[in-house]
Amino acid sequence: MEPALIYKALANDTRRQIMVWLKHPEEYFDPSAYAREGISLKTGVCVADIQKKSGLAQSVISSYLASMQQARLLESERIGKWTYYRRNEQTIQEFYKYIRDEL
């Protein structure tokens, strides 16, 4: 875990909002749309859905997701032509422990 990368990733309001959306994706995204594809929201949320919810350009969201993945806040899984993102709870817990114990 690299705290500086995490701080940088979380310094942006939209990236923080994405983390909230992915914490409880069933509250923010339509699980039935995923079920029709045979996918659970536990797999992750499609980039296109994150982009639509944010209202930002696809290129901006892709760069945000890449920086969050580089910070290890997110994991991704490619299924067919789509990439699905979910939170990396292990890194989040490590960061929480770092904040609690070191700061």
PDB file of N, CA and C in Angstrom:
ATOM      1  N   MET A   1       0.837  -1.178   0.000  1.00  0.00           N
ATOM      2  CA  MET A   1       0.000   0.000   0.000  1.00  0.00           C
ATOM      3  C   MET A   1       0.883   1.242   0.000  1.00  0.00           C
ATOM      4  N   GLU A   2       0.542   2.183  -0.875  1.00  0.00           N
ATOM      5  CA  GLU A   2       1.257   3.448  -0.941  1.00  0.00           C
ATOM      6  C   GLU A   2       0.295   4.584  -0.565  1.00  0.00           C
ATOM      7  N   PRO A   3       0.384   5.055   0.682  1.00  0.00           N
ATOM      8  CA  PRO A   3      -0.555   6.083   1.133  1.00  0.00           C
ATOM      9  C   PRO A   3      -0.607   7.317   0.229  1.00  0.00           C
ATOM     10  N   ALA A   4       0.530   7.746  -0.319  1.00  0.00           N
ATOM     11  CA  ALA A   4       0.527   8.954  -1.159  1.00  0.00           C
ATOM     12  C   ALA A   4      -0.363   8.779  -2.384  1.00  0.00           C
ATOM     13  N   LEU A   5      -0.339   7.598  -2.992  1.00  0.00           N
ATOM     14  CA  LEU A   5      -1.202   7.341  -4.154  1.00  0.00           C
ATOM     15  C   LEU A   5      -2.672   7.345  -3.755  1.00  0.00           C
ATOM     16  N   ILE A   6      -2.955   6.814  -2.582  1.00  0.00           N
ATOM     17  CA  ILE A   6      -4.341   6.781  -2.104  1.00  0.00           C
ATOM     18  C   ILE A   6      -4.827   8.190  -1.800  1.00  0.00           C
ATOM     19  N   TYR A   7      -4.010   8.984  -1.116  1.00  0.00           N
ATOM     20  CA  TYR A   7      -4.391  10.364  -0.833  1.00  0.00           C
ATOM     21  C   TYR A   7      -4.685  11.109  -2.132  1.00  0.00           C
ATOM     22  N   LYS A   8      -3.812  10.933  -3.111  1.00  0.00           N
ATOM     23  CA  LYS A   8      -3.985  11.621  -4.393  1.00  0.00           C
ATOM     24  C   LYS A   8      -5.285  11.169  -5.065  1.00  0.00           C
ATOM     25  N   ALA A   9      -5.537   9.874  -5.058  1.00  0.00           N
ATOM     26  CA  ALA A   9      -6.757   9.354  -5.691  1.00  0.00           C
ATOM     27  C   ALA A   9      -8.008   9.875  -4.998  1.00  0.00           C
ATOM     28  N   LEU A  10      -7.958  10.004  -3.683  1.00  0.00           N
ATOM     29  CA  LEU A  10      -9.131  10.424  -2.918  1.00  0.00           C
ATOM     30  C   LEU A  10      -9.262  11.943  -2.802  1.00  0.00           C
ATOM     31  N   ALA A  11      -8.325  12.678  -3.384  1.00  0.00           N
ATOM     32  CA  ALA A  11      -8.364  14.138  -3.309  1.00  0.00           C
ATOM     33  C   ALA A  11      -9.409  14.743  -4.246  1.00  0.00           C
ATOM     34  N   ASN A  12      -9.998  13.926  -5.087  1.00  0.00           N
ATOM     35  CA  ASN A  12     -10.966  14.385  -6.079  1.00  0.00           C
ATOM     36  C   ASN A  12     -12.379  13.983  -5.650  1.00  0.00           C
ATOM     37  N   ASP A  13     -13.311  14.927  -5.698  1.00  0.00           N
ATOM     38  CA  ASP A  13     -14.687  14.659  -5.262  1.00  0.00           C
ATOM     39  C   ASP A  13     -15.336  13.507  -6.032  1.00  0.00           C
ATOM     40  N   THR A  14     -15.159  13.467  -7.332  1.00  0.00           N
ATOM     41  CA  THR A  14     -15.794  12.412  -8.128  1.00  0.00           C
ATOM     42  C   THR A  14     -15.195  11.055  -7.807  1.00  0.00           C
ATOM     43  N   ARG A  15     -13.898  10.983  -7.635  1.00  0.00           N
ATOM     44  CA  ARG A  15     -13.287   9.685  -7.284  1.00  0.00           C
ATOM     45  C   ARG A  15     -13.779   9.213  -5.922  1.00  0.00           C
ATOM     46  N   ARG A  16     -13.924  10.130  -4.965  1.00  0.00           N
ATOM     47  CA  ARG A  16     -14.495   9.742  -3.668  1.00  0.00           C
ATOM     48  C   ARG A  16     -15.935   9.269  -3.836  1.00  0.00           C
ATOM     49  N   GLN A  17     -16.698   9.938  -4.686  1.00  0.00           N
ATOM     50  CA  GLN A  17     -18.081   9.538  -4.921  1.00  0.00           C
ATOM     51  C   GLN A  17     -18.144   8.146  -5.553  1.00  0.00           C
ATOM     52  N   ILE A  18     -17.248   7.845  -6.455  1.00  0.00           N
ATOM     53  CA  ILE A  18     -17.194   6.508  -7.064  1.00  0.00           C
ATOM     54  C   ILE A  18     -16.966   5.456  -5.979  1.00  0.00           C
ATOM     55  N   MET A  19     -16.098   5.758  -5.021  1.00  0.00           N
ATOM     56  CA  MET A  19     -15.860   4.807  -3.928  1.00  0.00           C
ATOM     57  C   MET A  19     -17.139   4.575  -3.131  1.00  0.00           C
ATOM     58  N   VAL A  20     -17.924   5.621  -2.915  1.00  0.00           N
ATOM     59  CA  VAL A  20     -19.207   5.487  -2.210  1.00  0.00           C
ATOM     60  C   VAL A  20     -20.157   4.624  -3.045  1.00  0.00           C
ATOM     61  N   TRP A  21     -20.271   4.917  -4.320  1.00  0.00           N
ATOM     62  CA  TRP A  21     -21.156   4.135  -5.191  1.00  0.00           C
ATOM     63  C   TRP A  21     -20.788   2.662  -5.173  1.00  0.00           C
ATOM     64  N   LEU A  22     -19.493   2.383  -5.197  1.00  0.00           N
ATOM     65  CA  LEU A  22     -19.048   0.984  -5.261  1.00  0.00           C
ATOM     66  C   LEU A  22     -19.109   0.288  -3.904  1.00  0.00           C
ATOM     67  N   LYS A  23     -19.248   1.048  -2.836  1.00  0.00           N
ATOM     68  CA  LYS A  23     -19.383   0.425  -1.513  1.00  0.00           C
ATOM     69  C   LYS A  23     -20.700  -0.323  -1.423  1.00  0.00           C
ATOM     70  N   HIS A  24     -21.768   0.279  -1.944  1.00  0.00           N
ATOM     71  CA  HIS A  24     -23.104  -0.337  -1.958  1.00  0.00           C
ATOM     72  C   HIS A  24     -23.686  -0.177  -3.367  1.00  0.00           C
ATOM     73  N   PRO A  25     -23.149  -0.892  -4.341  1.00  0.00           N
ATOM     74  CA  PRO A  25     -23.571  -0.661  -5.728  1.00  0.00           C
ATOM     75  C   PRO A  25     -25.055  -0.903  -5.979  1.00  0.00           C
ATOM     76  N   GLU A  26     -25.664  -1.780  -5.186  1.00  0.00           N
ATOM     77  CA  GLU A  26     -27.086  -2.068  -5.378  1.00  0.00           C
ATOM     78  C   GLU A  26     -27.963  -0.848  -5.087  1.00  0.00           C
ATOM     79  N   GLU A  27     -27.435   0.129  -4.347  1.00  0.00           N
ATOM     80  CA  GLU A  27     -28.178   1.355  -4.060  1.00  0.00           C
ATOM     81  C   GLU A  27     -28.081   2.376  -5.195  1.00  0.00           C
ATOM     82  N   TYR A  28     -27.076   2.220  -6.049  1.00  0.00           N
ATOM     83  CA  TYR A  28     -26.799   3.233  -7.064  1.00  0.00           C
ATOM     84  C   TYR A  28     -26.921   2.727  -8.499  1.00  0.00           C
ATOM     85  N   PHE A  29     -26.906   1.413  -8.680  1.00  0.00           N
ATOM     86  CA  PHE A  29     -26.949   0.832 -10.015  1.00  0.00           C
ATOM     87  C   PHE A  29     -28.025  -0.255 -10.056  1.00  0.00           C
ATOM     88  N   ASP A  30     -28.567  -0.507 -11.227  1.00  0.00           N
ATOM     89  CA  ASP A  30     -29.670  -1.448 -11.402  1.00  0.00           C
ATOM     90  C   ASP A  30     -29.165  -2.891 -11.425  1.00  0.00           C
ATOM     91  N   PRO A  31     -29.372  -3.656 -10.346  1.00  0.00           N
ATOM     92  CA  PRO A  31     -28.870  -5.030 -10.318  1.00  0.00           C
ATOM     93  C   PRO A  31     -29.552  -5.936 -11.346  1.00  0.00           C
ATOM     94  N   SER A  32     -30.792  -5.610 -11.731  1.00  0.00           N
ATOM     95  CA  SER A  32     -31.489  -6.466 -12.695  1.00  0.00           C
ATOM     96  C   SER A  32     -30.822  -6.409 -14.066  1.00  0.00           C
ATOM     97  N   ALA A  33     -30.260  -5.282 -14.428  1.00  0.00           N
ATOM     98  CA  ALA A  33     -29.542  -5.176 -15.700  1.00  0.00           C
ATOM     99  C   ALA A  33     -28.329  -6.102 -15.709  1.00  0.00           C
ATOM    100  N   TYR A  34     -27.683  -6.242 -14.584  1.00  0.00           N
ATOM    101  CA  TYR A  34     -26.529  -7.121 -14.471  1.00  0.00           C
ATOM    102  C   TYR A  34     -26.973  -8.587 -14.443  1.00  0.00           C
ATOM    103  N   ALA A  35     -28.052  -8.850 -13.735  1.00  0.00           N
ATOM    104  CA  ALA A  35     -28.569 -10.220 -13.635  1.00  0.00           C
ATOM    105  C   ALA A  35     -28.948 -10.753 -15.010  1.00  0.00           C
ATOM    106  N   ARG A  36     -29.511  -9.884 -15.863  1.00  0.00           N
ATOM    107  CA  ARG A  36     -29.865 -10.311 -17.226  1.00  0.00           C
ATOM    108  C   ARG A  36     -28.639 -10.764 -18.000  1.00  0.00           C
ATOM    109  N   GLU A  37     -27.494 -10.231 -17.647  1.00  0.00           N
ATOM    110  CA  GLU A  37     -26.228 -10.609 -18.299  1.00  0.00           C
ATOM    111  C   GLU A  37     -25.529 -11.750 -17.564  1.00  0.00           C
ATOM    112  N   GLY A  38     -26.153 -12.231 -16.480  1.00  0.00           N
ATOM    113  CA  GLY A  38     -25.557 -13.306 -15.698  1.00  0.00           C
ATOM    114  C   GLY A  38     -24.414 -12.843 -14.812  1.00  0.00           C
ATOM    115  N   ILE A  39     -24.439 -11.565 -14.454  1.00  0.00           N
ATOM    116  CA  ILE A  39     -23.369 -10.968 -13.660  1.00  0.00           C
ATOM    117  C   ILE A  39     -23.977 -10.387 -12.385  1.00  0.00           C
ATOM    118  N   SER A  40     -23.262 -10.517 -11.297  1.00  0.00           N
ATOM    119  CA  SER A  40     -23.675  -9.930 -10.030  1.00  0.00           C
ATOM    120  C   SER A  40     -22.939  -8.607  -9.845  1.00  0.00           C
ATOM    121  N   LEU A  41     -23.545  -7.695  -9.109  1.00  0.00           N
ATOM    122  CA  LEU A  41     -22.855  -6.452  -8.781  1.00  0.00           C
ATOM    123  C   LEU A  41     -21.624  -6.702  -7.914  1.00  0.00           C
ATOM    124  N   LYS A  42     -21.529  -7.897  -7.317  1.00  0.00           N
ATOM    125  CA  LYS A  42     -20.318  -8.244  -6.565  1.00  0.00           C
ATOM    126  C   LYS A  42     -19.118  -8.378  -7.503  1.00  0.00           C
ATOM    127  N   THR A  43     -19.393  -8.697  -8.764  1.00  0.00           N
ATOM    128  CA  THR A  43     -18.332  -8.758  -9.771  1.00  0.00           C
ATOM    129  C   THR A  43     -17.751  -7.380  -9.982  1.00  0.00           C
ATOM    130  N   GLY A  44     -18.630  -6.382  -9.961  1.00  0.00           N
ATOM    131  CA  GLY A  44     -18.223  -5.007 -10.165  1.00  0.00           C
ATOM    132  C   GLY A  44     -19.264  -4.258 -10.955  1.00  0.00           C
ATOM    133  N   VAL A  45     -18.977  -3.002 -11.216  1.00  0.00           N
ATOM    134  CA  VAL A  45     -19.872  -2.132 -11.970  1.00  0.00           C
ATOM    135  C   VAL A  45     -19.168  -1.749 -13.268  1.00  0.00           C
ATOM    136  N   CYS A  46     -19.914  -1.802 -14.343  1.00  0.00           N
ATOM    137  CA  CYS A  46     -19.393  -1.502 -15.670  1.00  0.00           C
ATOM    138  C   CYS A  46     -18.961  -0.037 -15.762  1.00  0.00           C
ATOM    139  N   VAL A  47     -17.864   0.183 -16.458  1.00  0.00           N
ATOM    140  CA  VAL A  47     -17.348   1.538 -16.658  1.00  0.00           C
ATOM    141  C   VAL A  47     -18.434   2.444 -17.239  1.00  0.00           C
ATOM    142  N   ALA A  48     -19.208   1.930 -18.191  1.00  0.00           N
ATOM    143  CA  ALA A  48     -20.241   2.744 -18.839  1.00  0.00           C
ATOM    144  C   ALA A  48     -21.281   3.224 -17.827  1.00  0.00           C
ATOM    145  N   ASP A  49     -21.631   2.389 -16.860  1.00  0.00           N
ATOM    146  CA  ASP A  49     -22.603   2.792 -15.843  1.00  0.00           C
ATOM    147  C   ASP A  49     -22.021   3.841 -14.903  1.00  0.00           C
ATOM    148  N   ILE A  50     -20.751   3.682 -14.551  1.00  0.00           N
ATOM    149  CA  ILE A  50     -20.085   4.680 -13.703  1.00  0.00           C
ATOM    150  C   ILE A  50     -20.017   6.009 -14.443  1.00  0.00           C
ATOM    151  N   GLN A  51     -19.674   5.946 -15.717  1.00  0.00           N
ATOM    152  CA  GLN A  51     -19.574   7.153 -16.540  1.00  0.00           C
ATOM    153  C   GLN A  51     -20.931   7.844 -16.633  1.00  0.00           C
ATOM    154  N   LYS A  52     -21.982   7.068 -16.887  1.00  0.00           N
ATOM    155  CA  LYS A  52     -23.326   7.647 -17.018  1.00  0.00           C
ATOM    156  C   LYS A  52     -23.756   8.320 -15.711  1.00  0.00           C
ATOM    157  N   LYS A  53     -23.506   7.655 -14.592  1.00  0.00           N
ATOM    158  CA  LYS A  53     -23.913   8.200 -13.289  1.00  0.00           C
ATOM    159  C   LYS A  53     -23.137   9.483 -12.968  1.00  0.00           C
ATOM    160  N   SER A  54     -21.878   9.529 -13.357  1.00  0.00           N
ATOM    161  CA  SER A  54     -21.046  10.695 -13.043  1.00  0.00           C
ATOM    162  C   SER A  54     -21.376  11.892 -13.923  1.00  0.00           C
ATOM    163  N   GLY A  55     -21.835  11.629 -15.148  1.00  0.00           N
ATOM    164  CA  GLY A  55     -22.089  12.711 -16.088  1.00  0.00           C
ATOM    165  C   GLY A  55     -20.837  13.265 -16.739  1.00  0.00           C
ATOM    166  N   LEU A  56     -19.703  12.622 -16.494  1.00  0.00           N
ATOM    167  CA  LEU A  56     -18.434  13.071 -17.075  1.00  0.00           C
ATOM    168  C   LEU A  56     -18.114  12.262 -18.327  1.00  0.00           C
ATOM    169  N   ALA A  57     -17.185  12.730 -19.102  1.00  0.00           N
ATOM    170  CA  ALA A  57     -16.764  12.040 -20.320  1.00  0.00           C
ATOM    171  C   ALA A  57     -16.142  10.687 -19.991  1.00  0.00           C
ATOM    172  N   GLN A  58     -16.303   9.754 -20.890  1.00  0.00           N
ATOM    173  CA  GLN A  58     -15.762   8.407 -20.697  1.00  0.00           C
ATOM    174  C   GLN A  58     -14.254   8.449 -20.482  1.00  0.00           C
ATOM    175  N   SER A  59     -13.554   9.312 -21.211  1.00  0.00           N
ATOM    176  CA  SER A  59     -12.098   9.388 -21.066  1.00  0.00           C
ATOM    177  C   SER A  59     -11.698   9.860 -19.669  1.00  0.00           C
ATOM    178  N   VAL A  60     -12.472  10.779 -19.107  1.00  0.00           N
ATOM    179  CA  VAL A  60     -12.192  11.286 -17.755  1.00  0.00           C
ATOM    180  C   VAL A  60     -12.409  10.167 -16.737  1.00  0.00           C
ATOM    181  N   ILE A  61     -13.532   9.475 -16.847  1.00  0.00           N
ATOM    182  CA  ILE A  61     -13.821   8.388 -15.911  1.00  0.00           C
ATOM    183  C   ILE A  61     -12.780   7.292 -16.047  1.00  0.00           C
ATOM    184  N   SER A  62     -12.391   6.967 -17.260  1.00  0.00           N
ATOM    185  CA  SER A  62     -11.361   5.930 -17.447  1.00  0.00           C
ATOM    186  C   SER A  62     -10.060   6.322 -16.764  1.00  0.00           C
ATOM    187  N   SER A  63      -9.678   7.595 -16.865  1.00  0.00           N
ATOM    188  CA  SER A  63      -8.438   8.025 -16.201  1.00  0.00           C
ATOM    189  C   SER A  63      -8.597   8.009 -14.689  1.00  0.00           C
ATOM    190  N   TYR A  64      -9.783   8.376 -14.192  1.00  0.00           N
ATOM    191  CA  TYR A  64     -10.037   8.312 -12.753  1.00  0.00           C
ATOM    192  C   TYR A  64      -9.952   6.872 -12.247  1.00  0.00           C
ATOM    193  N   LEU A  65     -10.590   5.965 -12.966  1.00  0.00           N
ATOM    194  CA  LEU A  65     -10.572   4.561 -12.548  1.00  0.00           C
ATOM    195  C   LEU A  65      -9.153   4.000 -12.602  1.00  0.00           C
ATOM    196  N   ALA A  66      -8.385   4.387 -13.609  1.00  0.00           N
ATOM    197  CA  ALA A  66      -6.996   3.919 -13.718  1.00  0.00           C
ATOM    198  C   ALA A  66      -6.164   4.399 -12.534  1.00  0.00           C
ATOM    199  N   SER A  67      -6.346   5.657 -12.133  1.00  0.00           N
ATOM    200  CA  SER A  67      -5.565   6.173 -10.998  1.00  0.00           C
ATOM    201  C   SER A  67      -5.986   5.487  -9.702  1.00  0.00           C
ATOM    202  N   MET A  68      -7.271   5.190  -9.579  1.00  0.00           N
ATOM    203  CA  MET A  68      -7.761   4.502  -8.383  1.00  0.00           C
ATOM    204  C   MET A  68      -7.280   3.055  -8.360  1.00  0.00           C
ATOM    205  N   GLN A  69      -7.185   2.451  -9.533  1.00  0.00           N
ATOM    206  CA  GLN A  69      -6.661   1.084  -9.600  1.00  0.00           C
ATOM    207  C   GLN A  69      -5.156   1.080  -9.319  1.00  0.00           C
ATOM    208  N   GLN A  70      -4.449   2.081  -9.815  1.00  0.00           N
ATOM    209  CA  GLN A  70      -3.020   2.184  -9.542  1.00  0.00           C
ATOM    210  C   GLN A  70      -2.765   2.333  -8.041  1.00  0.00           C
ATOM    211  N   ALA A  71      -3.653   3.022  -7.349  1.00  0.00           N
ATOM    212  CA  ALA A  71      -3.552   3.186  -5.896  1.00  0.00           C
ATOM    213  C   ALA A  71      -4.039   1.934  -5.164  1.00  0.00           C
ATOM    214  N   ARG A  72      -4.504   0.960  -5.913  1.00  0.00           N
ATOM    215  CA  ARG A  72      -5.017  -0.318  -5.407  1.00  0.00           C
ATOM    216  C   ARG A  72      -6.323  -0.160  -4.622  1.00  0.00           C
ATOM    217  N   LEU A  73      -7.042   0.945  -4.865  1.00  0.00           N
ATOM    218  CA  LEU A  73      -8.348   1.123  -4.240  1.00  0.00           C
ATOM    219  C   LEU A  73      -9.419   0.316  -4.967  1.00  0.00           C
ATOM    220  N   LEU A  74      -9.168   0.025  -6.244  1.00  0.00           N
ATOM    221  CA  LEU A  74     -10.120  -0.715  -7.062  1.00  0.00           C
ATOM    222  C   LEU A  74      -9.469  -1.933  -7.690  1.00  0.00           C
ATOM    223  N   GLU A  75     -10.315  -2.917  -7.943  1.00  0.00           N
ATOM    224  CA  GLU A  75      -9.933  -4.093  -8.720  1.00  0.00           C
ATOM    225  C   GLU A  75     -10.829  -4.098  -9.948  1.00  0.00           C
ATOM    226  N   SER A  76     -10.351  -4.703 -11.019  1.00  0.00           N
ATOM    227  CA  SER A  76     -11.184  -4.769 -12.215  1.00  0.00           C
ATOM    228  C   SER A  76     -11.210  -6.189 -12.749  1.00  0.00           C
ATOM    229  N   GLU A  77     -12.276  -6.457 -13.498  1.00  0.00           N
ATOM    230  CA  GLU A  77     -12.428  -7.758 -14.140  1.00  0.00           C
ATOM    231  C   GLU A  77     -13.023  -7.517 -15.518  1.00  0.00           C
ATOM    232  N   ARG A  78     -12.379  -8.071 -16.509  1.00  0.00           N
ATOM    233  CA  ARG A  78     -12.873  -7.932 -17.878  1.00  0.00           C
ATOM    234  C   ARG A  78     -13.723  -9.153 -18.201  1.00  0.00           C
ATOM    235  N   ILE A  79     -14.948  -8.899 -18.657  1.00  0.00           N
ATOM    236  CA  ILE A  79     -15.852  -9.961 -19.073  1.00  0.00           C
ATOM    237  C   ILE A  79     -16.358  -9.566 -20.457  1.00  0.00           C
ATOM    238  N   GLY A  80     -15.976 -10.335 -21.451  1.00  0.00           N
ATOM    239  CA  GLY A  80     -16.325  -9.975 -22.822  1.00  0.00           C
ATOM    240  C   GLY A  80     -15.659  -8.672 -23.186  1.00  0.00           C
ATOM    241  N   LYS A  81     -16.448  -7.729 -23.672  1.00  0.00           N
ATOM    242  CA  LYS A  81     -15.867  -6.446 -24.077  1.00  0.00           C
ATOM    243  C   LYS A  81     -15.964  -5.378 -22.988  1.00  0.00           C
ATOM    244  N   TRP A  82     -16.503  -5.732 -21.824  1.00  0.00           N
ATOM    245  CA  TRP A  82     -16.713  -4.767 -20.751  1.00  0.00           C
ATOM    246  C   TRP A  82     -15.756  -5.005 -19.588  1.00  0.00           C
ATOM    247  N   THR A  83     -15.403  -3.922 -18.915  1.00  0.00           N
ATOM    248  CA  THR A  83     -14.586  -4.004 -17.711  1.00  0.00           C
ATOM    249  C   THR A  83     -15.441  -3.563 -16.528  1.00  0.00           C
ATOM    250  N   TYR A  84     -15.380  -4.353 -15.464  1.00  0.00           N
ATOM    251  CA  TYR A  84     -16.173  -4.111 -14.256  1.00  0.00           C
ATOM    252  C   TYR A  84     -15.234  -3.785 -13.110  1.00  0.00           C
ATOM    253  N   TYR A  85     -15.595  -2.767 -12.335  1.00  0.00           N
ATOM    254  CA  TYR A  85     -14.767  -2.316 -11.212  1.00  0.00           C
ATOM    255  C   TYR A  85     -15.487  -2.549  -9.893  1.00  0.00           C
ATOM    256  N   ARG A  86     -14.700  -2.933  -8.898  1.00  0.00           N
ATOM    257  CA  ARG A  86     -15.189  -3.096  -7.529  1.00  0.00           C
ATOM    258  C   ARG A  86     -14.099  -2.584  -6.589  1.00  0.00           C
ATOM    259  N   ARG A  87     -14.502  -2.296  -5.378  1.00  0.00           N
ATOM    260  CA  ARG A  87     -13.559  -1.819  -4.366  1.00  0.00           C
ATOM    261  C   ARG A  87     -12.602  -2.935  -3.960  1.00  0.00           C
ATOM    262  N   ASN A  88     -11.372  -2.566  -3.656  1.00  0.00           N
ATOM    263  CA  ASN A  88     -10.394  -3.501  -3.111  1.00  0.00           C
ATOM    264  C   ASN A  88     -10.424  -3.312  -1.597  1.00  0.00           C
ATOM    265  N   GLU A  89     -11.254  -4.103  -0.958  1.00  0.00           N
ATOM    266  CA  GLU A  89     -11.477  -3.928   0.483  1.00  0.00           C
ATOM    267  C   GLU A  89     -10.215  -4.185   1.300  1.00  0.00           C
ATOM    268  N   GLN A  90      -9.326  -5.029   0.814  1.00  0.00           N
ATOM    269  CA  GLN A  90      -8.086  -5.285   1.549  1.00  0.00           C
ATOM    270  C   GLN A  90      -7.244  -4.005   1.646  1.00  0.00           C
ATOM    271  N   THR A  91      -7.077  -3.321   0.535  1.00  0.00           N
ATOM    272  CA  THR A  91      -6.308  -2.073   0.549  1.00  0.00           C
ATOM    273  C   THR A  91      -6.999  -1.017   1.402  1.00  0.00           C
ATOM    274  N   ILE A  92      -8.314  -0.943   1.317  1.00  0.00           N
ATOM    275  CA  ILE A  92      -9.057   0.035   2.109  1.00  0.00           C
ATOM    276  C   ILE A  92      -8.848  -0.230   3.595  1.00  0.00           C
ATOM    277  N   GLN A  93      -8.863  -1.487   3.994  1.00  0.00           N
ATOM    278  CA  GLN A  93      -8.629  -1.830   5.401  1.00  0.00           C
ATOM    279  C   GLN A  93      -7.193  -1.516   5.814  1.00  0.00           C
ATOM    280  N   GLU A  94      -6.231  -1.789   4.939  1.00  0.00           N
ATOM    281  CA  GLU A  94      -4.829  -1.460   5.235  1.00  0.00           C
ATOM    282  C   GLU A  94      -4.656   0.049   5.402  1.00  0.00           C
ATOM    283  N   PHE A  95      -5.312   0.820   4.539  1.00  0.00           N
ATOM    284  CA  PHE A  95      -5.232   2.276   4.623  1.00  0.00           C
ATOM    285  C   PHE A  95      -5.893   2.778   5.907  1.00  0.00           C
ATOM    286  N   TYR A  96      -7.032   2.209   6.256  1.00  0.00           N
ATOM    287  CA  TYR A  96      -7.711   2.553   7.507  1.00  0.00           C
ATOM    288  C   TYR A  96      -6.776   2.289   8.700  1.00  0.00           C
ATOM    289  N   LYS A  97      -6.132   1.130   8.696  1.00  0.00           N
ATOM    290  CA  LYS A  97      -5.214   0.777   9.783  1.00  0.00           C
ATOM    291  C   LYS A  97      -4.041   1.754   9.824  1.00  0.00           C
ATOM    292  N   TYR A  98      -3.523   2.114   8.660  1.00  0.00           N
ATOM    293  CA  TYR A  98      -2.433   3.078   8.587  1.00  0.00           C
ATOM    294  C   TYR A  98      -2.863   4.418   9.204  1.00  0.00           C
ATOM    295  N   ILE A  99      -4.031   4.906   8.826  1.00  0.00           N
ATOM    296  CA  ILE A  99      -4.538   6.177   9.356  1.00  0.00           C
ATOM    297  C   ILE A  99      -4.718   6.080  10.874  1.00  0.00           C
ATOM    298  N   ARG A 100      -5.333   4.974  11.309  1.00  0.00           N
ATOM    299  CA  ARG A 100      -5.617   4.788  12.736  1.00  0.00           C
ATOM    300  C   ARG A 100      -4.328   4.704  13.556  1.00  0.00           C
ATOM    301  N   ASP A 101      -3.354   3.960  13.060  1.00  0.00           N
ATOM    302  CA  ASP A 101      -2.159   3.680  13.852  1.00  0.00           C
ATOM    303  C   ASP A 101      -1.023   4.685  13.665  1.00  0.00           C
ATOM    304  N   GLU A 102      -0.944   5.296  12.492  1.00  0.00           N
ATOM    305  CA  GLU A 102       0.220   6.120  12.191  1.00  0.00           C
ATOM    306  C   GLU A 102      -0.034   7.618  12.273  1.00  0.00           C
ATOM    307  N   LEU A 103      -1.259   8.036  12.057  1.00  0.00           N
ATOM    308  CA  LEU A 103      -1.506   9.491  12.060  1.00  0.00           C
ATOM    309  C   LEU A 103      -2.157   9.965  13.348  1.00  0.00           C
TER     310      LEU A 103
END
